[in-house]
Amino acid sequence: MNVKELIRTINHTLKSHNLFPENSRILVACSGGPDSMALLYLLQDIATHRHTTYKIGVAIVDHCIRPESKDEVLWLQHQVEELGLPFYSATFDVPHLSKEHKKSEETIGRQVRYQWLNEIAQSEGYDYISVAHHKDDQAESILAHIIRGSGLNGLTGMSVVQSEYAIPVVRPLLDVTKENLLAYIGTKHISYCVDSTNEDVRYQRNRIRHRIIPELEAVNPAVVDAIVRLGSSVNEDVMVISDLTSRTFDKLVSIDDDEVRISRRALRQEPLAIQRRLWQRLVSTIDSDLTLTSAHQEQLLDIVNTGEKKTFTIKSIKVIAQCDTIKVYCKH
């Protein structure tokens, strides 16, 4: 894929989602690595391709995991200043936060990074946050969910647009490969930093990238494309199931100020796939941060299938089933 084809592919991804209209303000999350440096320059090429201009800012987070990360922030700041673009940086002691919150460095790093990016985007008036995840990242993400035993939602992979925060997070590069990006920065002679931790197979994502994917490619050289197609296919199915779940929720569920109610008998008539999604919707109505595990779901399905009085408690949620009525409410 040459530079023109690369730009056309990314532009098609953006146009198909109605993203980055004229004069958009875009905050680019940039680590200084090859992927995000390619994204930074590609967005400027996209603007030229569209005969428009974008107001681009660059943001980097120092996670304090590697001793050289401070120097990389300074290096990126110099690069961005040479381009005449706004630059933002923040430092978080991710190893300390990881121990404090008993979460992996990958998880806590992602949480603090996206929260800070959103705060900066809001305060500085950006319309979008853009990140450099590409097709290979998509395949790795889907494989990681398979390994964890994810349901269908996990197999859909990352979306081009994520609206979890106030400012949309956009992934313009999901239809291009790492190889495409490396060829681009080589052609453009773009300099970048190399993160030594990307080779550390103690991190799950790196183990998938450096060990599992190559083994799968020995079986099918186009395995990355195959996995990404699987994600797209599953996403189409999930959209249909989600629509059915919403219709069933509206038909069967009653919501008062402090509780949600549903009929055991009516719930029992629904397919298991809908029941499981209804339960997640039910508890999310009370506590939007609560995600049910497969073990929780099995306990809740037992409540549906028995006529006995049952009580189930999880974190802030209490479920009471008596006769035909199931009530879900906040236990506080």
C-alpha atoms as a PDB file:
ATOM      1  CA  MET A   1       0.000   0.000   0.000  1.00  0.00           C
ATOM      2  CA  ASN A   2       1.630   3.247  -1.140  1.00  0.00           C
ATOM      3  CA  VAL A   3       1.129   6.621   0.541  1.00  0.00           C
ATOM      4  CA  LYS A   4      -1.817   7.626  -1.670  1.00  0.00           C
ATOM      5  CA  GLU A   5      -3.593   4.317  -1.050  1.00  0.00           C
ATOM      6  CA  LEU A   6      -2.937   4.636   2.688  1.00  0.00           C
ATOM      7  CA  ILE A   7      -4.435   8.123   2.808  1.00  0.00           C
ATOM      8  CA  ARG A   8      -7.453   7.024   0.745  1.00  0.00           C
ATOM      9  CA  THR A   9      -8.049   4.035   3.063  1.00  0.00           C
ATOM     10  CA  ILE A  10      -7.925   6.176   6.213  1.00  0.00           C
ATOM     11  CA  ASN A  11     -10.062   8.862   4.607  1.00  0.00           C
ATOM     12  CA  HIS A  12     -12.662   6.211   3.719  1.00  0.00           C
ATOM     13  CA  THR A  13     -12.706   5.023   7.354  1.00  0.00           C
ATOM     14  CA  LEU A  14     -13.292   8.580   8.546  1.00  0.00           C
ATOM     15  CA  LYS A  15     -15.922   9.400   5.916  1.00  0.00           C
ATOM     16  CA  SER A  16     -17.882   6.216   6.610  1.00  0.00           C
ATOM     17  CA  HIS A  17     -18.282   7.400  10.216  1.00  0.00           C
ATOM     18  CA  ASN A  18     -18.758  11.108   9.372  1.00  0.00           C
ATOM     19  CA  LEU A  19     -15.600  12.053  11.258  1.00  0.00           C
ATOM     20  CA  PHE A  20     -13.260  15.038  11.148  1.00  0.00           C
ATOM     21  CA  PRO A  21     -15.268  17.555   9.132  1.00  0.00           C
ATOM     22  CA  GLU A  22     -13.742  20.839   8.003  1.00  0.00           C
ATOM     23  CA  ASN A  23     -11.802  22.785  10.662  1.00  0.00           C
ATOM     24  CA  SER A  24     -12.087  20.016  13.263  1.00  0.00           C
ATOM     25  CA  ARG A  25     -10.011  20.423  16.419  1.00  0.00           C
ATOM     26  CA  ILE A  26      -8.204  17.115  17.024  1.00  0.00           C
ATOM     27  CA  LEU A  27      -6.110  16.175  20.053  1.00  0.00           C
ATOM     28  CA  VAL A  28      -3.649  13.455  19.029  1.00  0.00           C
ATOM     29  CA  ALA A  29      -2.585  11.042  21.770  1.00  0.00           C
ATOM     30  CA  CYS A  30       1.071  10.526  20.907  1.00  0.00           C
ATOM     31  CA  SER A  31       3.707   8.404  22.632  1.00  0.00           C
ATOM     32  CA  GLY A  32       6.458   9.333  20.187  1.00  0.00           C
ATOM     33  CA  GLY A  33       6.414   5.771  18.830  1.00  0.00           C
ATOM     34  CA  PRO A  34       6.050   4.909  15.125  1.00  0.00           C
ATOM     35  CA  ASP A  35       2.286   4.384  15.157  1.00  0.00           C
ATOM     36  CA  SER A  36       1.329   7.660  16.817  1.00  0.00           C
ATOM     37  CA  MET A  37       3.947   9.665  14.900  1.00  0.00           C
ATOM     38  CA  ALA A  38       2.517   8.228  11.692  1.00  0.00           C
ATOM     39  CA  LEU A  39      -0.984   9.233  12.845  1.00  0.00           C
ATOM     40  CA  LEU A  40       0.167  12.795  13.565  1.00  0.00           C
ATOM     41  CA  TYR A  41       1.538  13.282  10.060  1.00  0.00           C
ATOM     42  CA  LEU A  42      -1.252  11.325   8.352  1.00  0.00           C
ATOM     43  CA  LEU A  43      -3.904  13.626   9.818  1.00  0.00           C
ATOM     44  CA  GLN A  44      -2.140  16.548   8.190  1.00  0.00           C
ATOM     45  CA  ASP A  45      -2.045  14.601   4.910  1.00  0.00           C
ATOM     46  CA  ILE A  46      -5.761  13.825   5.261  1.00  0.00           C
ATOM     47  CA  ALA A  47      -6.512  17.533   5.694  1.00  0.00           C
ATOM     48  CA  THR A  48      -4.565  18.285   2.502  1.00  0.00           C
ATOM     49  CA  HIS A  49      -6.397  15.445   0.716  1.00  0.00           C
ATOM     50  CA  ARG A  50      -9.726  16.958   1.771  1.00  0.00           C
ATOM     51  CA  HIS A  51      -8.633  20.523   0.916  1.00  0.00           C
ATOM     52  CA  THR A  52      -9.311  21.649   4.458  1.00  0.00           C
ATOM     53  CA  THR A  53      -7.414  22.416   7.648  1.00  0.00           C
ATOM     54  CA  TYR A  54      -7.441  20.788  11.066  1.00  0.00           C
ATOM     55  CA  LYS A  55      -6.416  22.371  14.331  1.00  0.00           C
ATOM     56  CA  ILE A  56      -4.217  19.659  15.798  1.00  0.00           C
ATOM     57  CA  GLY A  57      -2.772  19.407  19.296  1.00  0.00           C
ATOM     58  CA  VAL A  58      -0.469  16.707  20.649  1.00  0.00           C
ATOM     59  CA  ALA A  59      -0.679  15.109  24.104  1.00  0.00           C
ATOM     60  CA  ILE A  60       1.633  12.614  25.799  1.00  0.00           C
ATOM     61  CA  VAL A  61       1.493  10.819  29.158  1.00  0.00           C
ATOM     62  CA  ASP A  62       4.636   9.736  31.016  1.00  0.00           C
ATOM     63  CA  HIS A  63       3.675   6.552  32.874  1.00  0.00           C
ATOM     64  CA  CYS A  64       6.964   6.442  34.839  1.00  0.00           C
ATOM     65  CA  ILE A  65       7.506   2.797  33.876  1.00  0.00           C
ATOM     66  CA  ARG A  66      10.785   3.323  32.023  1.00  0.00           C
ATOM     67  CA  PRO A  67      13.703   5.611  33.011  1.00  0.00           C
ATOM     68  CA  GLU A  68      13.972   7.001  29.476  1.00  0.00           C
ATOM     69  CA  SER A  69      10.320   8.132  29.338  1.00  0.00           C
ATOM     70  CA  LYS A  70      11.138  11.651  30.587  1.00  0.00           C
ATOM     71  CA  ASP A  71      13.593  12.150  27.735  1.00  0.00           C
ATOM     72  CA  GLU A  72      10.983  10.903  25.251  1.00  0.00           C
ATOM     73  CA  VAL A  73       8.514  13.528  26.464  1.00  0.00           C
ATOM     74  CA  LEU A  74      11.141  16.248  25.894  1.00  0.00           C
ATOM     75  CA  TRP A  75      12.004  14.790  22.482  1.00  0.00           C
ATOM     76  CA  LEU A  76       8.346  14.796  21.433  1.00  0.00           C
ATOM     77  CA  GLN A  77       7.855  18.323  22.736  1.00  0.00           C
ATOM     78  CA  HIS A  78      10.708  19.481  20.483  1.00  0.00           C
ATOM     79  CA  GLN A  79       9.204  17.672  17.475  1.00  0.00           C
ATOM     80  CA  VAL A  80       5.778  19.205  18.079  1.00  0.00           C
ATOM     81  CA  GLU A  81       7.166  22.691  18.579  1.00  0.00           C
ATOM     82  CA  GLU A  82       9.019  22.319  15.259  1.00  0.00           C
ATOM     83  CA  LEU A  83       5.624  21.632  13.671  1.00  0.00           C
ATOM     84  CA  GLY A  84       4.142  24.680  15.399  1.00  0.00           C
ATOM     85  CA  LEU A  85       1.443  22.669  17.196  1.00  0.00           C
ATOM     86  CA  PRO A  86       0.145  22.921  20.800  1.00  0.00           C
ATOM     87  CA  PHE A  87       1.738  20.406  23.156  1.00  0.00           C
ATOM     88  CA  TYR A  88       0.402  18.937  26.403  1.00  0.00           C
ATOM     89  CA  SER A  89       2.015  16.479  28.805  1.00  0.00           C
ATOM     90  CA  ALA A  90       1.238  14.829  32.124  1.00  0.00           C
ATOM     91  CA  THR A  91       3.061  12.452  34.462  1.00  0.00           C
ATOM     92  CA  PHE A  92       1.474   9.590  36.406  1.00  0.00           C
ATOM     93  CA  ASP A  93       3.326   7.113  38.608  1.00  0.00           C
ATOM     94  CA  VAL A  94       1.601   4.083  37.097  1.00  0.00           C
ATOM     95  CA  PRO A  95       3.647   1.430  38.984  1.00  0.00           C
ATOM     96  CA  HIS A  96       2.640   3.039  42.282  1.00  0.00           C
ATOM     97  CA  LEU A  97      -1.003   3.439  41.224  1.00  0.00           C
ATOM     98  CA  SER A  98      -1.013  -0.174  40.040  1.00  0.00           C
ATOM     99  CA  LYS A  99      -0.015  -1.432  43.476  1.00  0.00           C
ATOM    100  CA  GLU A 100      -2.317   0.985  45.281  1.00  0.00           C
ATOM    101  CA  HIS A 101      -5.420   0.002  43.284  1.00  0.00           C
ATOM    102  CA  LYS A 102      -4.384  -3.652  42.786  1.00  0.00           C
ATOM    103  CA  LYS A 103      -4.741  -3.428  39.023  1.00  0.00           C
ATOM    104  CA  SER A 104      -2.270  -4.227  36.254  1.00  0.00           C
ATOM    105  CA  GLU A 105      -0.037  -1.454  34.970  1.00  0.00           C
ATOM    106  CA  GLU A 106      -1.696  -1.817  31.569  1.00  0.00           C
ATOM    107  CA  THR A 107      -5.169  -1.305  33.048  1.00  0.00           C
ATOM    108  CA  ILE A 108      -4.360   1.583  35.380  1.00  0.00           C
ATOM    109  CA  GLY A 109      -2.214   3.251  32.716  1.00  0.00           C
ATOM    110  CA  ARG A 110      -5.079   3.154  30.234  1.00  0.00           C
ATOM    111  CA  GLN A 111      -7.524   4.540  32.805  1.00  0.00           C
ATOM    112  CA  VAL A 112      -5.439   7.533  33.863  1.00  0.00           C
ATOM    113  CA  ARG A 113      -4.359   8.245  30.269  1.00  0.00           C
ATOM    114  CA  TYR A 114      -7.857   8.418  28.804  1.00  0.00           C
ATOM    115  CA  GLN A 115      -9.248  10.366  31.736  1.00  0.00           C
ATOM    116  CA  TRP A 116      -6.497  12.974  31.413  1.00  0.00           C
ATOM    117  CA  LEU A 117      -6.817  13.160  27.620  1.00  0.00           C
ATOM    118  CA  ASN A 118     -10.521  13.810  27.993  1.00  0.00           C
ATOM    119  CA  GLU A 119      -9.931  16.546  30.565  1.00  0.00           C
ATOM    120  CA  ILE A 120      -7.400  18.277  28.314  1.00  0.00           C
ATOM    121  CA  ALA A 121      -9.642  17.957  25.257  1.00  0.00           C
ATOM    122  CA  GLN A 122     -12.553  19.482  27.160  1.00  0.00           C
ATOM    123  CA  SER A 123     -10.589  22.325  28.717  1.00  0.00           C
ATOM    124  CA  GLU A 124      -8.831  23.230  25.450  1.00  0.00           C
ATOM    125  CA  GLY A 125     -11.893  22.940  23.219  1.00  0.00           C
ATOM    126  CA  TYR A 126     -10.995  19.925  21.068  1.00  0.00           C
ATOM    127  CA  ASP A 127     -13.739  18.108  19.170  1.00  0.00           C
ATOM    128  CA  TYR A 128     -12.016  14.710  19.064  1.00  0.00           C
ATOM    129  CA  ILE A 129      -9.260  12.675  20.674  1.00  0.00           C
ATOM    130  CA  SER A 130      -7.407  10.588  18.099  1.00  0.00           C
ATOM    131  CA  VAL A 131      -5.391   7.468  18.951  1.00  0.00           C
ATOM    132  CA  ALA A 132      -3.176   5.273  16.777  1.00  0.00           C
ATOM    133  CA  HIS A 133      -4.594   1.764  17.176  1.00  0.00           C
ATOM    134  CA  HIS A 134      -4.258  -0.089  13.861  1.00  0.00           C
ATOM    135  CA  LYS A 135      -5.416  -3.392  12.325  1.00  0.00           C
ATOM    136  CA  ASP A 136      -2.757  -5.487  14.088  1.00  0.00           C
ATOM    137  CA  ASP A 137      -3.792  -3.957  17.435  1.00  0.00           C
ATOM    138  CA  GLN A 138      -7.387  -4.866  16.625  1.00  0.00           C
ATOM    139  CA  ALA A 139      -6.492  -8.520  16.043  1.00  0.00           C
ATOM    140  CA  GLU A 140      -4.448  -8.611  19.260  1.00  0.00           C
ATOM    141  CA  SER A 141      -7.318  -7.060  21.217  1.00  0.00           C
ATOM    142  CA  ILE A 142      -9.810  -9.656  19.948  1.00  0.00           C
ATOM    143  CA  LEU A 143      -7.394 -12.496  20.753  1.00  0.00           C
ATOM    144  CA  ALA A 144      -6.885 -11.092  24.268  1.00  0.00           C
ATOM    145  CA  HIS A 145     -10.652 -11.191  24.827  1.00  0.00           C
ATOM    146  CA  ILE A 146     -10.861 -14.752  23.528  1.00  0.00           C
ATOM    147  CA  ILE A 147      -8.124 -15.800  25.945  1.00  0.00           C
ATOM    148  CA  ARG A 148     -10.026 -14.212  28.835  1.00  0.00           C
ATOM    149  CA  GLY A 149     -13.193 -16.088  27.882  1.00  0.00           C
ATOM    150  CA  SER A 150     -15.096 -13.027  26.695  1.00  0.00           C
ATOM    151  CA  GLY A 151     -18.650 -13.074  25.448  1.00  0.00           C
ATOM    152  CA  LEU A 152     -19.640 -11.751  22.025  1.00  0.00           C
ATOM    153  CA  ASN A 153     -19.129  -8.102  22.986  1.00  0.00           C
ATOM    154  CA  GLY A 154     -15.437  -8.713  23.574  1.00  0.00           C
ATOM    155  CA  LEU A 155     -15.043 -10.285  20.130  1.00  0.00           C
ATOM    156  CA  THR A 156     -16.163  -7.105  18.380  1.00  0.00           C
ATOM    157  CA  GLY A 157     -12.817  -5.492  19.116  1.00  0.00           C
ATOM    158  CA  MET A 158     -12.228  -1.751  19.244  1.00  0.00           C
ATOM    159  CA  SER A 159     -14.620   0.628  17.533  1.00  0.00           C
ATOM    160  CA  VAL A 160     -13.580   3.452  15.227  1.00  0.00           C
ATOM    161  CA  VAL A 161     -15.497   5.844  17.482  1.00  0.00           C
ATOM    162  CA  GLN A 162     -15.685   5.385  21.241  1.00  0.00           C
ATOM    163  CA  SER A 163     -18.050   7.663  23.153  1.00  0.00           C
ATOM    164  CA  GLU A 164     -17.324   6.531  26.694  1.00  0.00           C
ATOM    165  CA  TYR A 165     -16.121  10.024  27.612  1.00  0.00           C
ATOM    166  CA  ALA A 166     -17.478  13.501  26.857  1.00  0.00           C
ATOM    167  CA  ILE A 167     -15.034  13.869  23.941  1.00  0.00           C
ATOM    168  CA  PRO A 168     -15.198  11.079  21.321  1.00  0.00           C
ATOM    169  CA  VAL A 169     -12.102   8.895  20.977  1.00  0.00           C
ATOM    170  CA  VAL A 170     -11.413   8.150  17.300  1.00  0.00           C
ATOM    171  CA  ARG A 171      -9.238   5.376  15.839  1.00  0.00           C
ATOM    172  CA  PRO A 172      -8.642   6.349  12.184  1.00  0.00           C
ATOM    173  CA  LEU A 173      -6.048   3.618  11.529  1.00  0.00           C
ATOM    174  CA  LEU A 174      -8.066   0.452  12.221  1.00  0.00           C
ATOM    175  CA  ASP A 175      -8.158  -0.457   8.524  1.00  0.00           C
ATOM    176  CA  VAL A 176      -4.381  -0.266   8.010  1.00  0.00           C
ATOM    177  CA  THR A 177      -1.597  -2.495   9.278  1.00  0.00           C
ATOM    178  CA  LYS A 178       1.536  -1.814  11.260  1.00  0.00           C
ATOM    179  CA  GLU A 179       3.502  -2.673   8.116  1.00  0.00           C
ATOM    180  CA  ASN A 180       1.631   0.057   6.206  1.00  0.00           C
ATOM    181  CA  LEU A 181       2.498   2.611   8.902  1.00  0.00           C
ATOM    182  CA  LEU A 182       6.173   1.642   9.041  1.00  0.00           C
ATOM    183  CA  ALA A 183       6.395   1.966   5.259  1.00  0.00           C
ATOM    184  CA  TYR A 184       4.782   5.415   5.482  1.00  0.00           C
ATOM    185  CA  ILE A 185       7.169   6.808   8.088  1.00  0.00           C
ATOM    186  CA  GLY A 186      10.056   5.328   6.152  1.00  0.00           C
ATOM    187  CA  THR A 187       8.929   7.053   2.957  1.00  0.00           C
ATOM    188  CA  LYS A 188       8.355  10.338   4.807  1.00  0.00           C
ATOM    189  CA  HIS A 189      11.584  10.016   6.852  1.00  0.00           C
ATOM    190  CA  ILE A 190       9.681  10.594  10.100  1.00  0.00           C
ATOM    191  CA  SER A 191      11.702  10.015  13.259  1.00  0.00           C
ATOM    192  CA  TYR A 192      10.260   8.231  16.282  1.00  0.00           C
ATOM    193  CA  CYS A 193      11.074   6.677  19.663  1.00  0.00           C
ATOM    194  CA  VAL A 194      11.260   2.966  20.414  1.00  0.00           C
ATOM    195  CA  ASP A 195       9.597   1.764  23.632  1.00  0.00           C
ATOM    196  CA  SER A 196      11.722  -1.063  25.037  1.00  0.00           C
ATOM    197  CA  THR A 197       8.770  -2.481  26.983  1.00  0.00           C
ATOM    198  CA  ASN A 198       7.083  -3.356  23.659  1.00  0.00           C
ATOM    199  CA  GLU A 199       9.428  -6.368  23.518  1.00  0.00           C
ATOM    200  CA  ASP A 200       8.724  -7.493  27.099  1.00  0.00           C
ATOM    201  CA  VAL A 201       6.602 -10.642  26.820  1.00  0.00           C
ATOM    202  CA  ARG A 202       5.663 -10.446  30.502  1.00  0.00           C
ATOM    203  CA  TYR A 203       2.947  -8.106  29.279  1.00  0.00           C
ATOM    204  CA  GLN A 204       0.044 -10.075  27.828  1.00  0.00           C
ATOM    205  CA  ARG A 205      -0.346  -7.871  24.749  1.00  0.00           C
ATOM    206  CA  ASN A 206       3.337  -8.301  23.864  1.00  0.00           C
ATOM    207  CA  ARG A 207       3.131 -12.066  24.350  1.00  0.00           C
ATOM    208  CA  ILE A 208       0.202 -12.168  21.936  1.00  0.00           C
ATOM    209  CA  ARG A 209       2.049  -9.932  19.446  1.00  0.00           C
ATOM    210  CA  HIS A 210       5.433 -11.636  19.491  1.00  0.00           C
ATOM    211  CA  ARG A 211       4.547 -15.265  20.166  1.00  0.00           C
ATOM    212  CA  ILE A 212       0.906 -16.135  19.501  1.00  0.00           C
ATOM    213  CA  ILE A 213       0.302 -14.138  16.303  1.00  0.00           C
ATOM    214  CA  PRO A 214       3.464 -15.483  14.582  1.00  0.00           C
ATOM    215  CA  GLU A 215       2.396 -19.051  15.426  1.00  0.00           C
ATOM    216  CA  LEU A 216      -1.048 -18.399  13.967  1.00  0.00           C
ATOM    217  CA  GLU A 217       0.495 -16.817  10.867  1.00  0.00           C
ATOM    218  CA  ALA A 218       2.406 -20.059  10.322  1.00  0.00           C
ATOM    219  CA  VAL A 219      -1.014 -21.694   9.900  1.00  0.00           C
ATOM    220  CA  ASN A 220      -2.656 -18.789   8.040  1.00  0.00           C
ATOM    221  CA  PRO A 221      -0.429 -15.923   6.824  1.00  0.00           C
ATOM    222  CA  ALA A 222      -3.526 -13.696   6.607  1.00  0.00           C
ATOM    223  CA  VAL A 223      -4.655 -14.457  10.160  1.00  0.00           C
ATOM    224  CA  VAL A 224      -4.737 -10.782  11.208  1.00  0.00           C
ATOM    225  CA  ASP A 225      -7.235 -10.018   8.429  1.00  0.00           C
ATOM    226  CA  ALA A 226      -9.209 -13.141   9.358  1.00  0.00           C
ATOM    227  CA  ILE A 227      -9.465 -12.147  13.030  1.00  0.00           C
ATOM    228  CA  VAL A 228     -10.489  -8.593  12.132  1.00  0.00           C
ATOM    229  CA  ARG A 229     -13.194  -9.940   9.774  1.00  0.00           C
ATOM    230  CA  LEU A 230     -14.447 -12.103  12.639  1.00  0.00           C
ATOM    231  CA  GLY A 231     -14.695  -8.989  14.810  1.00  0.00           C
ATOM    232  CA  SER A 232     -16.663  -7.125  12.130  1.00  0.00           C
ATOM    233  CA  SER A 233     -19.039 -10.052  11.632  1.00  0.00           C
ATOM    234  CA  VAL A 234     -19.632 -10.450  15.372  1.00  0.00           C
ATOM    235  CA  ASN A 235     -20.222  -6.708  15.681  1.00  0.00           C
ATOM    236  CA  GLU A 236     -23.045  -6.922  13.123  1.00  0.00           C
ATOM    237  CA  ASP A 237     -24.661  -9.760  15.086  1.00  0.00           C
ATOM    238  CA  VAL A 238     -24.242  -7.964  18.405  1.00  0.00           C
ATOM    239  CA  MET A 239     -26.007  -4.897  17.013  1.00  0.00           C
ATOM    240  CA  VAL A 240     -29.032  -7.045  16.126  1.00  0.00           C
ATOM    241  CA  ILE A 241     -29.053  -8.758  19.534  1.00  0.00           C
ATOM    242  CA  SER A 242     -28.673  -5.405  21.296  1.00  0.00           C
ATOM    243  CA  ASP A 243     -31.656  -4.028  19.397  1.00  0.00           C
ATOM    244  CA  LEU A 244     -33.743  -7.077  20.383  1.00  0.00           C
ATOM    245  CA  THR A 245     -32.630  -6.655  23.990  1.00  0.00           C
ATOM    246  CA  SER A 246     -33.682  -2.999  24.019  1.00  0.00           C
ATOM    247  CA  ARG A 247     -37.116  -3.858  22.644  1.00  0.00           C
ATOM    248  CA  THR A 248     -37.558  -6.655  25.185  1.00  0.00           C
ATOM    249  CA  PHE A 249     -36.408  -4.397  28.011  1.00  0.00           C
ATOM    250  CA  ASP A 250     -38.971  -1.743  27.057  1.00  0.00           C
ATOM    251  CA  LYS A 251     -41.704  -4.403  26.854  1.00  0.00           C
ATOM    252  CA  LEU A 252     -41.006  -6.319  30.091  1.00  0.00           C
ATOM    253  CA  VAL A 253     -39.313  -3.964  32.549  1.00  0.00           C
ATOM    254  CA  SER A 254     -40.978  -1.485  34.906  1.00  0.00           C
ATOM    255  CA  ILE A 255     -38.826   1.257  36.429  1.00  0.00           C
ATOM    256  CA  ASP A 256     -39.684   3.269  39.530  1.00  0.00           C
ATOM    257  CA  ASP A 257     -37.534   5.857  41.268  1.00  0.00           C
ATOM    258  CA  ASP A 258     -35.652   3.345  43.381  1.00  0.00           C
ATOM    259  CA  GLU A 259     -36.237  -0.096  41.850  1.00  0.00           C
ATOM    260  CA  VAL A 260     -36.611  -2.070  38.637  1.00  0.00           C
ATOM    261  CA  ARG A 261     -39.164  -4.885  38.262  1.00  0.00           C
ATOM    262  CA  ILE A 262     -39.662  -7.754  35.843  1.00  0.00           C
ATOM    263  CA  SER A 263     -41.801 -10.894  35.709  1.00  0.00           C
ATOM    264  CA  ARG A 264     -40.062 -14.221  36.282  1.00  0.00           C
ATOM    265  CA  ARG A 265     -42.485 -15.929  33.940  1.00  0.00           C
ATOM    266  CA  ALA A 266     -42.002 -13.389  31.157  1.00  0.00           C
ATOM    267  CA  LEU A 267     -38.213 -13.466  31.503  1.00  0.00           C
ATOM    268  CA  ARG A 268     -38.239 -17.259  31.373  1.00  0.00           C
ATOM    269  CA  GLN A 269     -39.830 -17.099  27.912  1.00  0.00           C
ATOM    270  CA  GLU A 270     -36.871 -15.214  26.417  1.00  0.00           C
ATOM    271  CA  PRO A 271     -33.808 -16.891  24.847  1.00  0.00           C
ATOM    272  CA  LEU A 272     -30.810 -17.185  27.171  1.00  0.00           C
ATOM    273  CA  ALA A 273     -28.825 -14.697  25.069  1.00  0.00           C
ATOM    274  CA  ILE A 274     -31.524 -12.077  25.662  1.00  0.00           C
ATOM    275  CA  GLN A 275     -31.912 -13.003  29.345  1.00  0.00           C
ATOM    276  CA  ARG A 276     -28.210 -12.448  30.006  1.00  0.00           C
ATOM    277  CA  ARG A 277     -28.229  -9.070  28.308  1.00  0.00           C
ATOM    278  CA  LEU A 278     -31.436  -8.081  30.079  1.00  0.00           C
ATOM    279  CA  TRP A 279     -29.816  -8.817  33.430  1.00  0.00           C
ATOM    280  CA  GLN A 280     -26.890  -6.581  32.557  1.00  0.00           C
ATOM    281  CA  ARG A 281     -29.297  -3.821  31.509  1.00  0.00           C
ATOM    282  CA  LEU A 282     -31.300  -4.297  34.708  1.00  0.00           C
ATOM    283  CA  VAL A 283     -28.339  -3.901  37.058  1.00  0.00           C
ATOM    284  CA  SER A 284     -26.834  -1.112  34.941  1.00  0.00           C
ATOM    285  CA  THR A 285     -30.044   0.861  35.410  1.00  0.00           C
ATOM    286  CA  ILE A 286     -29.191   0.976  39.118  1.00  0.00           C
ATOM    287  CA  ASP A 287     -25.374   0.967  38.950  1.00  0.00           C
ATOM    288  CA  SER A 288     -23.867   1.895  35.582  1.00  0.00           C
ATOM    289  CA  ASP A 289     -20.368   0.791  36.673  1.00  0.00           C
ATOM    290  CA  LEU A 290     -21.369  -2.784  37.518  1.00  0.00           C
ATOM    291  CA  THR A 291     -20.469  -5.528  35.035  1.00  0.00           C
ATOM    292  CA  LEU A 292     -21.863  -8.989  35.683  1.00  0.00           C
ATOM    293  CA  THR A 293     -19.482 -11.942  35.488  1.00  0.00           C
ATOM    294  CA  SER A 294     -20.476 -15.338  34.090  1.00  0.00           C
ATOM    295  CA  ALA A 295     -20.764 -16.600  37.687  1.00  0.00           C
ATOM    296  CA  HIS A 296     -23.186 -13.780  38.529  1.00  0.00           C
ATOM    297  CA  GLN A 297     -25.205 -14.570  35.434  1.00  0.00           C
ATOM    298  CA  GLU A 298     -25.528 -18.232  36.392  1.00  0.00           C
ATOM    299  CA  GLN A 299     -26.848 -17.275  39.836  1.00  0.00           C
ATOM    300  CA  LEU A 300     -29.335 -14.854  38.316  1.00  0.00           C
ATOM    301  CA  LEU A 301     -30.540 -17.417  35.782  1.00  0.00           C
ATOM    302  CA  ASP A 302     -31.182 -19.781  38.688  1.00  0.00           C
ATOM    303  CA  ILE A 303     -33.405 -17.092  40.218  1.00  0.00           C
ATOM    304  CA  VAL A 304     -35.406 -16.956  36.985  1.00  0.00           C
ATOM    305  CA  ASN A 305     -35.835 -20.707  36.668  1.00  0.00           C
ATOM    306  CA  THR A 306     -37.103 -21.403  40.198  1.00  0.00           C
ATOM    307  CA  GLY A 307     -40.388 -20.415  41.751  1.00  0.00           C
ATOM    308  CA  GLU A 308     -38.880 -20.104  45.219  1.00  0.00           C
ATOM    309  CA  LYS A 309     -38.102 -16.905  47.066  1.00  0.00           C
ATOM    310  CA  LYS A 310     -34.525 -15.922  46.213  1.00  0.00           C
ATOM    311  CA  THR A 311     -32.197 -13.099  47.186  1.00  0.00           C
ATOM    312  CA  PHE A 312     -28.999 -12.112  45.425  1.00  0.00           C
ATOM    313  CA  THR A 313     -26.581  -9.324  46.386  1.00  0.00           C
ATOM    314  CA  ILE A 314     -23.648  -7.979  44.403  1.00  0.00           C
ATOM    315  CA  LYS A 315     -21.820  -4.796  45.409  1.00  0.00           C
ATOM    316  CA  SER A 316     -24.450  -2.026  45.432  1.00  0.00           C
ATOM    317  CA  ILE A 317     -27.221  -4.158  43.923  1.00  0.00           C
ATOM    318  CA  LYS A 318     -29.815  -6.344  45.626  1.00  0.00           C
ATOM    319  CA  VAL A 319     -32.144  -8.693  43.735  1.00  0.00           C
ATOM    320  CA  ILE A 320     -35.221 -10.161  45.415  1.00  0.00           C
ATOM    321  CA  ALA A 321     -37.491 -12.671  43.664  1.00  0.00           C
ATOM    322  CA  GLN A 322     -40.783 -13.602  45.272  1.00  0.00           C
ATOM    323  CA  CYS A 323     -43.633 -15.367  43.501  1.00  0.00           C
ATOM    324  CA  ASP A 324     -43.562 -14.018  39.926  1.00  0.00           C
ATOM    325  CA  THR A 325     -41.920 -10.659  40.618  1.00  0.00           C
ATOM    326  CA  ILE A 326     -38.192  -9.911  40.517  1.00  0.00           C
ATOM    327  CA  LYS A 327     -37.111  -6.597  41.998  1.00  0.00           C
ATOM    328  CA  VAL A 328     -33.688  -5.031  41.484  1.00  0.00           C
ATOM    329  CA  TYR A 329     -32.666  -2.048  43.597  1.00  0.00           C
ATOM    330  CA  CYS A 330     -29.773  -0.306  45.281  1.00  0.00           C
ATOM    331  CA  LYS A 331     -29.186  -1.847  48.694  1.00  0.00           C
ATOM    332  CA  HIS A 332     -27.980   1.428  50.277  1.00  0.00           C
END
